[in-house]
Amino acid sequence: AGSKDKEAVKKALVKIAAEGAKVEAWIRSREVAFQEKQRMLALREIERKKKVDRDNAAQLAAKEKFLQERQCWIDEMERRMEVQLDTREMVQAQKWAAAAAKAAEEAAAA
């Protein structure tokens, strides 16, 4: 009876060891799957950040272009205003010159 009990205990221990090995293998497979998922998430995050950086760079370039165009428009408006002022000053100077000439004529005639 003693050797049968020993044999039964031995079989039970072998069975338990086999189940333990299955559990360990399952745990390792879960750990590997988890690590793979973490790696995929990290890669996805890197790609997302790259896309955000590209989008930000594109927005920045668009803003820069807008500001340059706006500055060109402002410069053109200032140039036109200067031309208008120069023209007005020239017209005013011509009027004054004409008035001075007329006054000189009248003074000479008197």
PDB file of N, CA and C in Angstrom:
ATOM      1  N   ALA A   1       0.833  -1.202   0.000  1.00  0.00           N
ATOM      2  CA  ALA A   1       0.000   0.000   0.000  1.00  0.00           C
ATOM      3  C   ALA A   1       0.861   1.243   0.000  1.00  0.00           C
ATOM      4  N   GLY A   2       2.012   1.173   0.674  1.00  0.00           N
ATOM      5  CA  GLY A   2       2.887   2.331   0.785  1.00  0.00           C
ATOM      6  C   GLY A   2       3.475   2.742  -0.543  1.00  0.00           C
ATOM      7  N   SER A   3       3.868   1.736  -1.362  1.00  0.00           N
ATOM      8  CA  SER A   3       4.456   2.076  -2.656  1.00  0.00           C
ATOM      9  C   SER A   3       3.402   2.609  -3.619  1.00  0.00           C
ATOM     10  N   LYS A   4       2.138   2.113  -3.459  1.00  0.00           N
ATOM     11  CA  LYS A   4       1.046   2.654  -4.305  1.00  0.00           C
ATOM     12  C   LYS A   4       0.794   4.121  -3.972  1.00  0.00           C
ATOM     13  N   ASP A   5       0.822   4.427  -2.668  1.00  0.00           N
ATOM     14  CA  ASP A   5       0.626   5.827  -2.243  1.00  0.00           C
ATOM     15  C   ASP A   5       1.756   6.703  -2.762  1.00  0.00           C
ATOM     16  N   LYS A   6       3.002   6.185  -2.676  1.00  0.00           N
ATOM     17  CA  LYS A   6       4.156   6.930  -3.186  1.00  0.00           C
ATOM     18  C   LYS A   6       4.003   7.173  -4.675  1.00  0.00           C
ATOM     19  N   GLU A   7       3.566   6.132  -5.394  1.00  0.00           N
ATOM     20  CA  GLU A   7       3.365   6.242  -6.848  1.00  0.00           C
ATOM     21  C   GLU A   7       2.288   7.287  -7.156  1.00  0.00           C
ATOM     22  N   ALA A   8       1.188   7.253  -6.403  1.00  0.00           N
ATOM     23  CA  ALA A   8       0.087   8.209  -6.598  1.00  0.00           C
ATOM     24  C   ALA A   8       0.571   9.640  -6.321  1.00  0.00           C
ATOM     25  N   VAL A   9       1.347   9.788  -5.238  1.00  0.00           N
ATOM     26  CA  VAL A   9       1.876  11.114  -4.884  1.00  0.00           C
ATOM     27  C   VAL A   9       2.817  11.578  -5.992  1.00  0.00           C
ATOM     28  N   LYS A  10       3.674  10.660  -6.501  1.00  0.00           N
ATOM     29  CA  LYS A  10       4.617  10.983  -7.568  1.00  0.00           C
ATOM     30  C   LYS A  10       3.871  11.443  -8.816  1.00  0.00           C
ATOM     31  N   LYS A  11       2.790  10.691  -9.188  1.00  0.00           N
ATOM     32  CA  LYS A  11       1.978  11.045 -10.361  1.00  0.00           C
ATOM     33  C   LYS A  11       1.332  12.421 -10.156  1.00  0.00           C
ATOM     34  N   ALA A  12       0.825  12.618  -8.907  1.00  0.00           N
ATOM     35  CA  ALA A  12       0.172  13.900  -8.600  1.00  0.00           C
ATOM     36  C   ALA A  12       1.182  15.038  -8.714  1.00  0.00           C
ATOM     37  N   LEU A  13       2.394  14.812  -8.202  1.00  0.00           N
ATOM     38  CA  LEU A  13       3.434  15.855  -8.272  1.00  0.00           C
ATOM     39  C   LEU A  13       3.823  16.146  -9.723  1.00  0.00           C
ATOM     40  N   VAL A  14       3.941  15.077 -10.544  1.00  0.00           N
ATOM     41  CA  VAL A  14       4.259  15.260 -11.960  1.00  0.00           C
ATOM     42  C   VAL A  14       3.150  16.063 -12.634  1.00  0.00           C
ATOM     43  N   LYS A  15       1.886  15.710 -12.314  1.00  0.00           N
ATOM     44  CA  LYS A  15       0.734  16.412 -12.888  1.00  0.00           C
ATOM     45  C   LYS A  15       0.756  17.895 -12.472  1.00  0.00           C
ATOM     46  N   ILE A  16       1.028  18.110 -11.172  1.00  0.00           N
ATOM     47  CA  ILE A  16       1.077  19.494 -10.651  1.00  0.00           C
ATOM     48  C   ILE A  16       2.212  20.264 -11.338  1.00  0.00           C
ATOM     49  N   ALA A  17       3.367  19.607 -11.494  1.00  0.00           N
ATOM     50  CA  ALA A  17       4.505  20.257 -12.155  1.00  0.00           C
ATOM     51  C   ALA A  17       4.156  20.596 -13.602  1.00  0.00           C
ATOM     52  N   ALA A  18       3.474  19.669 -14.291  1.00  0.00           N
ATOM     53  CA  ALA A  18       3.069  19.912 -15.683  1.00  0.00           C
ATOM     54  C   ALA A  18       2.096  21.082 -15.751  1.00  0.00           C
ATOM     55  N   GLU A  19       1.124  21.114 -14.838  1.00  0.00           N
ATOM     56  CA  GLU A  19       0.171  22.237 -14.795  1.00  0.00           C
ATOM     57  C   GLU A  19       0.904  23.544 -14.493  1.00  0.00           C
ATOM     58  N   GLY A  20       1.859  23.482 -13.555  1.00  0.00           N
ATOM     59  CA  GLY A  20       2.659  24.668 -13.218  1.00  0.00           C
ATOM     60  C   GLY A  20       3.426  25.169 -14.434  1.00  0.00           C
ATOM     61  N   ALA A  21       3.987  24.224 -15.208  1.00  0.00           N
ATOM     62  CA  ALA A  21       4.727  24.608 -16.413  1.00  0.00           C
ATOM     63  C   ALA A  21       3.791  25.256 -17.425  1.00  0.00           C
ATOM     64  N   LYS A  22       2.557  24.700 -17.557  1.00  0.00           N
ATOM     65  CA  LYS A  22       1.565  25.291 -18.475  1.00  0.00           C
ATOM     66  C   LYS A  22       1.232  26.720 -18.038  1.00  0.00           C
ATOM     67  N   VAL A  23       1.017  26.891 -16.723  1.00  0.00           N
ATOM     68  CA  VAL A  23       0.676  28.217 -16.185  1.00  0.00           C
ATOM     69  C   VAL A  23       1.824  29.202 -16.438  1.00  0.00           C
ATOM     70  N   GLU A  24       3.060  28.758 -16.196  1.00  0.00           N
ATOM     71  CA  GLU A  24       4.223  29.623 -16.429  1.00  0.00           C
ATOM     72  C   GLU A  24       4.330  30.018 -17.901  1.00  0.00           C
ATOM     73  N   ALA A  25       4.101  29.029 -18.777  1.00  0.00           N
ATOM     74  CA  ALA A  25       4.158  29.309 -20.221  1.00  0.00           C
ATOM     75  C   ALA A  25       3.076  30.318 -20.601  1.00  0.00           C
ATOM     76  N   TRP A  26       1.881  30.146 -20.029  1.00  0.00           N
ATOM     77  CA  TRP A  26       0.774  31.069 -20.319  1.00  0.00           C
ATOM     78  C   TRP A  26       1.135  32.480 -19.830  1.00  0.00           C
ATOM     79  N   ILE A  27       1.687  32.547 -18.595  1.00  0.00           N
ATOM     80  CA  ILE A  27       2.074  33.858 -18.034  1.00  0.00           C
ATOM     81  C   ILE A  27       3.125  34.516 -18.926  1.00  0.00           C
ATOM     82  N   ARG A  28       4.128  33.748 -19.379  1.00  0.00           N
ATOM     83  CA  ARG A  28       5.162  34.298 -20.261  1.00  0.00           C
ATOM     84  C   ARG A  28       4.539  34.805 -21.555  1.00  0.00           C
ATOM     85  N   SER A  29       3.590  34.018 -22.102  1.00  0.00           N
ATOM     86  CA  SER A  29       2.957  34.452 -23.360  1.00  0.00           C
ATOM     87  C   SER A  29       2.177  35.756 -23.152  1.00  0.00           C
ATOM     88  N   ARG A  30       1.540  35.883 -22.000  1.00  0.00           N
ATOM     89  CA  ARG A  30       0.811  37.130 -21.676  1.00  0.00           C
ATOM     90  C   ARG A  30       1.789  38.294 -21.525  1.00  0.00           C
ATOM     91  N   GLU A  31       2.932  38.034 -20.860  1.00  0.00           N
ATOM     92  CA  GLU A  31       3.949  39.086 -20.690  1.00  0.00           C
ATOM     93  C   GLU A  31       4.479  39.543 -22.050  1.00  0.00           C
ATOM     94  N   VAL A  32       4.746  38.567 -22.938  1.00  0.00           N
ATOM     95  CA  VAL A  32       5.235  38.903 -24.280  1.00  0.00           C
ATOM     96  C   VAL A  32       4.184  39.715 -25.024  1.00  0.00           C
ATOM     97  N   ALA A  33       2.914  39.278 -24.948  1.00  0.00           N
ATOM     98  CA  ALA A  33       1.830  40.002 -25.626  1.00  0.00           C
ATOM     99  C   ALA A  33       1.712  41.420 -25.062  1.00  0.00           C
ATOM    100  N   PHE A  34       1.832  41.545 -23.739  1.00  0.00           N
ATOM    101  CA  PHE A  34       1.738  42.856 -23.099  1.00  0.00           C
ATOM    102  C   PHE A  34       2.880  43.765 -23.570  1.00  0.00           C
ATOM    103  N   GLN A  35       4.107  43.209 -23.601  1.00  0.00           N
ATOM    104  CA  GLN A  35       5.266  43.997 -24.052  1.00  0.00           C
ATOM    105  C   GLN A  35       5.091  44.432 -25.506  1.00  0.00           C
ATOM    106  N   GLU A  36       4.572  43.532 -26.320  1.00  0.00           N
ATOM    107  CA  GLU A  36       4.339  43.854 -27.737  1.00  0.00           C
ATOM    108  C   GLU A  36       3.307  44.977 -27.855  1.00  0.00           C
ATOM    109  N   LYS A  37       2.259  44.874 -27.043  1.00  0.00           N
ATOM    110  CA  LYS A  37       1.222  45.919 -27.069  1.00  0.00           C
ATOM    111  C   LYS A  37       1.808  47.261 -26.619  1.00  0.00           C
ATOM    112  N   GLN A  38       2.645  47.227 -25.561  1.00  0.00           N
ATOM    113  CA  GLN A  38       3.280  48.451 -25.082  1.00  0.00           C
ATOM    114  C   GLN A  38       4.160  49.057 -26.174  1.00  0.00           C
ATOM    115  N   ARG A  39       4.897  48.201 -26.881  1.00  0.00           N
ATOM    116  CA  ARG A  39       5.769  48.669 -27.957  1.00  0.00           C
ATOM    117  C   ARG A  39       4.942  49.311 -29.071  1.00  0.00           C
ATOM    118  N   MET A  40       3.825  48.654 -29.431  1.00  0.00           N
ATOM    119  CA  MET A  40       2.951  49.202 -30.475  1.00  0.00           C
ATOM    120  C   MET A  40       2.371  50.560 -30.044  1.00  0.00           C
ATOM    121  N   LEU A  41       1.953  50.645 -28.778  1.00  0.00           N
ATOM    122  CA  LEU A  41       1.406  51.915 -28.274  1.00  0.00           C
ATOM    123  C   LEU A  41       2.473  53.015 -28.305  1.00  0.00           C
ATOM    124  N   ALA A  42       3.705  52.652 -27.935  1.00  0.00           N
ATOM    125  CA  ALA A  42       4.798  53.629 -27.950  1.00  0.00           C
ATOM    126  C   ALA A  42       5.062  54.099 -29.383  1.00  0.00           C
ATOM    127  N   LEU A  43       5.071  53.153 -30.334  1.00  0.00           N
ATOM    128  CA  LEU A  43       5.281  53.522 -31.740  1.00  0.00           C
ATOM    129  C   LEU A  43       4.154  54.425 -32.238  1.00  0.00           C
ATOM    130  N   ARG A  44       2.927  54.066 -31.861  1.00  0.00           N
ATOM    131  CA  ARG A  44       1.770  54.880 -32.262  1.00  0.00           C
ATOM    132  C   ARG A  44       1.892  56.298 -31.714  1.00  0.00           C
ATOM    133  N   GLU A  45       2.330  56.407 -30.454  1.00  0.00           N
ATOM    134  CA  GLU A  45       2.499  57.717 -29.818  1.00  0.00           C
ATOM    135  C   GLU A  45       3.581  58.527 -30.537  1.00  0.00           C
ATOM    136  N   ILE A  46       4.673  57.847 -30.917  1.00  0.00           N
ATOM    137  CA  ILE A  46       5.748  58.521 -31.656  1.00  0.00           C
ATOM    138  C   ILE A  46       5.206  59.044 -32.987  1.00  0.00           C
ATOM    139  N   GLU A  47       4.434  58.213 -33.698  1.00  0.00           N
ATOM    140  CA  GLU A  47       3.854  58.629 -34.982  1.00  0.00           C
ATOM    141  C   GLU A  47       2.891  59.802 -34.783  1.00  0.00           C
ATOM    142  N   ARG A  48       2.097  59.740 -33.707  1.00  0.00           N
ATOM    143  CA  ARG A  48       1.151  60.820 -33.425  1.00  0.00           C
ATOM    144  C   ARG A  48       1.913  62.128 -33.176  1.00  0.00           C
ATOM    145  N   LYS A  49       2.999  62.045 -32.395  1.00  0.00           N
ATOM    146  CA  LYS A  49       3.794  63.248 -32.107  1.00  0.00           C
ATOM    147  C   LYS A  49       4.428  63.793 -33.380  1.00  0.00           C
ATOM    148  N   LYS A  50       4.901  62.891 -34.255  1.00  0.00           N
ATOM    149  CA  LYS A  50       5.485  63.336 -35.529  1.00  0.00           C
ATOM    150  C   LYS A  50       4.434  64.078 -36.347  1.00  0.00           C
ATOM    151  N   LYS A  51       3.209  63.515 -36.377  1.00  0.00           N
ATOM    152  CA  LYS A  51       2.130  64.145 -37.147  1.00  0.00           C
ATOM    153  C   LYS A  51       1.805  65.524 -36.561  1.00  0.00           C
ATOM    154  N   VAL A  52       1.719  65.598 -35.221  1.00  0.00           N
ATOM    155  CA  VAL A  52       1.449  66.881 -34.559  1.00  0.00           C
ATOM    156  C   VAL A  52       2.557  67.883 -34.914  1.00  0.00           C
ATOM    157  N   ASP A  53       3.814  67.410 -34.871  1.00  0.00           N
ATOM    158  CA  ASP A  53       4.931  68.293 -35.217  1.00  0.00           C
ATOM    159  C   ASP A  53       4.824  68.773 -36.662  1.00  0.00           C
ATOM    160  N   ARG A  54       4.459  67.838 -37.572  1.00  0.00           N
ATOM    161  CA  ARG A  54       4.306  68.226 -38.988  1.00  0.00           C
ATOM    162  C   ARG A  54       3.167  69.239 -39.142  1.00  0.00           C
ATOM    163  N   ASP A  55       2.036  68.960 -38.459  1.00  0.00           N
ATOM    164  CA  ASP A  55       0.898  69.884 -38.527  1.00  0.00           C
ATOM    165  C   ASP A  55       1.284  71.251 -37.974  1.00  0.00           C
ATOM    166  N   ASN A  56       1.994  71.251 -36.840  1.00  0.00           N
ATOM    167  CA  ASN A  56       2.420  72.520 -36.240  1.00  0.00           C
ATOM    168  C   ASN A  56       3.358  73.278 -37.172  1.00  0.00           C
ATOM    169  N   ALA A  57       4.275  72.538 -37.801  1.00  0.00           N
ATOM    170  CA  ALA A  57       5.212  73.172 -38.735  1.00  0.00           C
ATOM    171  C   ALA A  57       4.456  73.773 -39.919  1.00  0.00           C
ATOM    172  N   ALA A  58       3.452  73.038 -40.419  1.00  0.00           N
ATOM    173  CA  ALA A  58       2.658  73.540 -41.547  1.00  0.00           C
ATOM    174  C   ALA A  58       1.876  74.792 -41.138  1.00  0.00           C
ATOM    175  N   GLN A  59       1.284  74.758 -39.933  1.00  0.00           N
ATOM    176  CA  GLN A  59       0.549  75.936 -39.440  1.00  0.00           C
ATOM    177  C   GLN A  59       1.487  77.123 -39.285  1.00  0.00           C
ATOM    178  N   LEU A  60       2.669  76.861 -38.744  1.00  0.00           N
ATOM    179  CA  LEU A  60       3.643  77.932 -38.543  1.00  0.00           C
ATOM    180  C   LEU A  60       4.055  78.531 -39.887  1.00  0.00           C
ATOM    181  N   ALA A  61       4.282  77.662 -40.878  1.00  0.00           N
ATOM    182  CA  ALA A  61       4.660  78.147 -42.209  1.00  0.00           C
ATOM    183  C   ALA A  61       3.532  78.983 -42.809  1.00  0.00           C
ATOM    184  N   ALA A  62       2.285  78.530 -42.628  1.00  0.00           N
ATOM    185  CA  ALA A  62       1.135  79.276 -43.157  1.00  0.00           C
ATOM    186  C   ALA A  62       1.031  80.638 -42.469  1.00  0.00           C
ATOM    187  N   LYS A  63       1.218  80.669 -41.144  1.00  0.00           N
ATOM    188  CA  LYS A  63       1.171  81.947 -40.415  1.00  0.00           C
ATOM    189  C   LYS A  63       2.281  82.879 -40.895  1.00  0.00           C
ATOM    190  N   GLU A  64       3.474  82.300 -41.059  1.00  0.00           N
ATOM    191  CA  GLU A  64       4.622  83.086 -41.515  1.00  0.00           C
ATOM    192  C   GLU A  64       4.334  83.697 -42.885  1.00  0.00           C
ATOM    193  N   LYS A  65       3.773  82.883 -43.787  1.00  0.00           N
ATOM    194  CA  LYS A  65       3.456  83.359 -45.136  1.00  0.00           C
ATOM    195  C   LYS A  65       2.410  84.472 -45.064  1.00  0.00           C
ATOM    196  N   PHE A  66       1.382  84.266 -44.219  1.00  0.00           N
ATOM    197  CA  PHE A  66       0.336  85.276 -44.054  1.00  0.00           C
ATOM    198  C   PHE A  66       0.942  86.582 -43.545  1.00  0.00           C
ATOM    199  N   LEU A  67       1.817  86.475 -42.533  1.00  0.00           N
ATOM    200  CA  LEU A  67       2.426  87.683 -41.970  1.00  0.00           C
ATOM    201  C   LEU A  67       3.302  88.399 -43.001  1.00  0.00           C
ATOM    202  N   GLN A  68       4.023  87.614 -43.818  1.00  0.00           N
ATOM    203  CA  GLN A  68       4.848  88.233 -44.866  1.00  0.00           C
ATOM    204  C   GLN A  68       3.966  88.949 -45.882  1.00  0.00           C
ATOM    205  N   GLU A  69       2.876  88.284 -46.297  1.00  0.00           N
ATOM    206  CA  GLU A  69       1.971  88.915 -47.272  1.00  0.00           C
ATOM    207  C   GLU A  69       1.345  90.168 -46.686  1.00  0.00           C
ATOM    208  N   ARG A  70       0.972  90.098 -45.401  1.00  0.00           N
ATOM    209  CA  ARG A  70       0.372  91.250 -44.733  1.00  0.00           C
ATOM    210  C   ARG A  70       1.378  92.397 -44.665  1.00  0.00           C
ATOM    211  N   GLN A  71       2.631  92.065 -44.332  1.00  0.00           N
ATOM    212  CA  GLN A  71       3.665  93.097 -44.262  1.00  0.00           C
ATOM    213  C   GLN A  71       3.890  93.728 -45.640  1.00  0.00           C
ATOM    214  N   CYS A  72       3.877  92.892 -46.696  1.00  0.00           N
ATOM    215  CA  CYS A  72       4.016  93.429 -48.065  1.00  0.00           C
ATOM    216  C   CYS A  72       2.869  94.389 -48.367  1.00  0.00           C
ATOM    217  N   TRP A  73       1.651  94.008 -47.981  1.00  0.00           N
ATOM    218  CA  TRP A  73       0.477  94.848 -48.219  1.00  0.00           C
ATOM    219  C   TRP A  73       0.623  96.168 -47.456  1.00  0.00           C
ATOM    220  N   ILE A  74       1.056  96.069 -46.169  1.00  0.00           N
ATOM    221  CA  ILE A  74       1.250  97.288 -45.350  1.00  0.00           C
ATOM    222  C   ILE A  74       2.314  98.184 -45.996  1.00  0.00           C
ATOM    223  N   ASP A  75       3.428  97.576 -46.426  1.00  0.00           N
ATOM    224  CA  ASP A  75       4.492  98.353 -47.077  1.00  0.00           C
ATOM    225  C   ASP A  75       3.970  99.054 -48.329  1.00  0.00           C
ATOM    226  N   GLU A  76       3.174  98.319 -49.127  1.00  0.00           N
ATOM    227  CA  GLU A  76       2.604  98.898 -50.362  1.00  0.00           C
ATOM    228  C   GLU A  76       1.663 100.063 -50.034  1.00  0.00           C
ATOM    229  N   MET A  77       0.825  99.892 -48.991  1.00  0.00           N
ATOM    230  CA  MET A  77      -0.095 100.968 -48.592  1.00  0.00           C
ATOM    231  C   MET A  77       0.693 102.198 -48.129  1.00  0.00           C
ATOM    232  N   GLU A  78       1.760 101.959 -47.343  1.00  0.00           N
ATOM    233  CA  GLU A  78       2.591 103.083 -46.882  1.00  0.00           C
ATOM    234  C   GLU A  78       3.231 103.793 -48.077  1.00  0.00           C
ATOM    235  N   ARG A  79       3.710 103.007 -49.043  1.00  0.00           N
ATOM    236  CA  ARG A  79       4.340 103.597 -50.231  1.00  0.00           C
ATOM    237  C   ARG A  79       3.320 104.447 -50.993  1.00  0.00           C
ATOM    238  N   ARG A  80       2.108 103.923 -51.154  1.00  0.00           N
ATOM    239  CA  ARG A  80       1.061 104.688 -51.855  1.00  0.00           C
ATOM    240  C   ARG A  80       0.712 105.973 -51.118  1.00  0.00           C
ATOM    241  N   MET A  81       0.646 105.865 -49.768  1.00  0.00           N
ATOM    242  CA  MET A  81       0.342 107.068 -48.976  1.00  0.00           C
ATOM    243  C   MET A  81       1.441 108.111 -49.175  1.00  0.00           C
ATOM    244  N   GLU A  82       2.711 107.659 -49.181  1.00  0.00           N
ATOM    245  CA  GLU A  82       3.826 108.587 -49.383  1.00  0.00           C
ATOM    246  C   GLU A  82       3.730 109.244 -50.755  1.00  0.00           C
ATOM    247  N   VAL A  83       3.400 108.455 -51.777  1.00  0.00           N
ATOM    248  CA  VAL A  83       3.255 108.995 -53.133  1.00  0.00           C
ATOM    249  C   VAL A  83       2.140 110.031 -53.146  1.00  0.00           C
ATOM    250  N   GLN A  84       0.998 109.697 -52.471  1.00  0.00           N
ATOM    251  CA  GLN A  84      -0.121 110.649 -52.412  1.00  0.00           C
ATOM    252  C   GLN A  84       0.304 111.931 -51.713  1.00  0.00           C
ATOM    253  N   LEU A  85       1.011 111.769 -50.582  1.00  0.00           N
ATOM    254  CA  LEU A  85       1.459 112.954 -49.844  1.00  0.00           C
ATOM    255  C   LEU A  85       2.424 113.776 -50.687  1.00  0.00           C
ATOM    256  N   ASP A  86       3.366 113.067 -51.330  1.00  0.00           N
ATOM    257  CA  ASP A  86       4.326 113.768 -52.192  1.00  0.00           C
ATOM    258  C   ASP A  86       3.584 114.522 -53.287  1.00  0.00           C
ATOM    259  N   THR A  87       2.579 113.879 -53.887  1.00  0.00           N
ATOM    260  CA  THR A  87       1.798 114.505 -54.960  1.00  0.00           C
ATOM    261  C   THR A  87       1.056 115.723 -54.424  1.00  0.00           C
ATOM    262  N   ARG A  88       0.426 115.580 -53.253  1.00  0.00           N
ATOM    263  CA  ARG A  88      -0.302 116.711 -52.657  1.00  0.00           C
ATOM    264  C   ARG A  88       0.645 117.866 -52.354  1.00  0.00           C
ATOM    265  N   GLU A  89       1.810 117.529 -51.788  1.00  0.00           N
ATOM    266  CA  GLU A  89       2.788 118.576 -51.469  1.00  0.00           C
ATOM    267  C   GLU A  89       3.247 119.289 -52.739  1.00  0.00           C
ATOM    268  N   MET A  90       3.435 118.494 -53.821  1.00  0.00           N
ATOM    269  CA  MET A  90       3.870 119.071 -55.085  1.00  0.00           C
ATOM    270  C   MET A  90       2.783 120.009 -55.631  1.00  0.00           C
ATOM    271  N   VAL A  91       1.533 119.533 -55.577  1.00  0.00           N
ATOM    272  CA  VAL A  91       0.414 120.360 -56.062  1.00  0.00           C
ATOM    273  C   VAL A  91       0.331 121.637 -55.222  1.00  0.00           C
ATOM    274  N   GLN A  92       0.441 121.487 -53.884  1.00  0.00           N
ATOM    275  CA  GLN A  92       0.383 122.652 -52.998  1.00  0.00           C
ATOM    276  C   GLN A  92       1.525 123.625 -53.315  1.00  0.00           C
ATOM    277  N   ALA A  93       2.732 123.099 -53.524  1.00  0.00           N
ATOM    278  CA  ALA A  93       3.889 123.951 -53.838  1.00  0.00           C
ATOM    279  C   ALA A  93       3.663 124.681 -55.159  1.00  0.00           C
ATOM    280  N   GLN A  94       3.048 123.973 -56.153  1.00  0.00           N
ATOM    281  CA  GLN A  94       2.761 124.621 -57.445  1.00  0.00           C
ATOM    282  C   GLN A  94       1.752 125.749 -57.259  1.00  0.00           C
ATOM    283  N   LYS A  95       0.722 125.501 -56.413  1.00  0.00           N
ATOM    284  CA  LYS A  95      -0.282 126.542 -56.148  1.00  0.00           C
ATOM    285  C   LYS A  95       0.373 127.756 -55.496  1.00  0.00           C
ATOM    286  N   TRP A  96       1.253 127.508 -54.536  1.00  0.00           N
ATOM    287  CA  TRP A  96       1.936 128.605 -53.848  1.00  0.00           C
ATOM    288  C   TRP A  96       2.843 129.353 -54.823  1.00  0.00           C
ATOM    289  N   ALA A  97       3.520 128.598 -55.657  1.00  0.00           N
ATOM    290  CA  ALA A  97       4.416 129.238 -56.641  1.00  0.00           C
ATOM    291  C   ALA A  97       3.593 130.101 -57.596  1.00  0.00           C
ATOM    292  N   ALA A  98       2.440 129.558 -58.018  1.00  0.00           N
ATOM    293  CA  ALA A  98       1.576 130.322 -58.928  1.00  0.00           C
ATOM    294  C   ALA A  98       1.056 131.577 -58.228  1.00  0.00           C
ATOM    295  N   ALA A  99       0.656 131.416 -56.973  1.00  0.00           N
ATOM    296  CA  ALA A  99       0.158 132.560 -56.203  1.00  0.00           C
ATOM    297  C   ALA A  99       1.265 133.604 -56.008  1.00  0.00           C
ATOM    298  N   ALA A 100       2.465 133.150 -55.740  1.00  0.00           N
ATOM    299  CA  ALA A 100       3.610 134.060 -55.560  1.00  0.00           C
ATOM    300  C   ALA A 100       3.910 134.789 -56.861  1.00  0.00           C
ATOM    301  N   ALA A 101       3.872 134.051 -57.985  1.00  0.00           N
ATOM    302  CA  ALA A 101       4.125 134.659 -59.299  1.00  0.00           C
ATOM    303  C   ALA A 101       3.064 135.706 -59.604  1.00  0.00           C
ATOM    304  N   LYS A 102       1.813 135.382 -59.299  1.00  0.00           N
ATOM    305  CA  LYS A 102       0.709 136.324 -59.561  1.00  0.00           C
ATOM    306  C   LYS A 102       0.877 137.580 -58.687  1.00  0.00           C
ATOM    307  N   ALA A 103       1.240 137.366 -57.440  1.00  0.00           N
ATOM    308  CA  ALA A 103       1.448 138.503 -56.536  1.00  0.00           C
ATOM    309  C   ALA A 103       2.618 139.355 -57.032  1.00  0.00           C
ATOM    310  N   ALA A 104       3.652 138.721 -57.526  1.00  0.00           N
ATOM    311  CA  ALA A 104       4.791 139.460 -58.039  1.00  0.00           C
ATOM    312  C   ALA A 104       4.394 140.257 -59.284  1.00  0.00           C
ATOM    313  N   GLU A 105       3.567 139.661 -60.141  1.00  0.00           N
ATOM    314  CA  GLU A 105       3.069 140.354 -61.345  1.00  0.00           C
ATOM    315  C   GLU A 105       2.251 141.581 -60.958  1.00  0.00           C
ATOM    316  N   GLU A 106       1.346 141.343 -59.988  1.00  0.00           N
ATOM    317  CA  GLU A 106       0.486 142.447 -59.555  1.00  0.00           C
ATOM    318  C   GLU A 106       1.324 143.567 -58.921  1.00  0.00           C
ATOM    319  N   ALA A 107       2.344 143.154 -58.168  1.00  0.00           N
ATOM    320  CA  ALA A 107       3.200 144.158 -57.534  1.00  0.00           C
ATOM    321  C   ALA A 107       3.978 144.936 -58.575  1.00  0.00           C
ATOM    322  N   ALA A 108       4.389 144.230 -59.646  1.00  0.00           N
ATOM    323  CA  ALA A 108       5.154 144.883 -60.726  1.00  0.00           C
ATOM    324  C   ALA A 108       4.234 145.804 -61.513  1.00  0.00           C
ATOM    325  N   ALA A 109       2.978 145.437 -61.673  1.00  0.00           N
ATOM    326  CA  ALA A 109       2.043 146.225 -62.447  1.00  0.00           C
ATOM    327  C   ALA A 109       1.616 147.487 -61.677  1.00  0.00           C
ATOM    328  N   ALA A 110       1.649 147.384 -60.356  1.00  0.00           N
ATOM    329  CA  ALA A 110       1.168 148.512 -59.563  1.00  0.00           C
ATOM    330  C   ALA A 110       2.137 149.672 -59.493  1.00  0.00           C
TER     331      ALA A 110
END
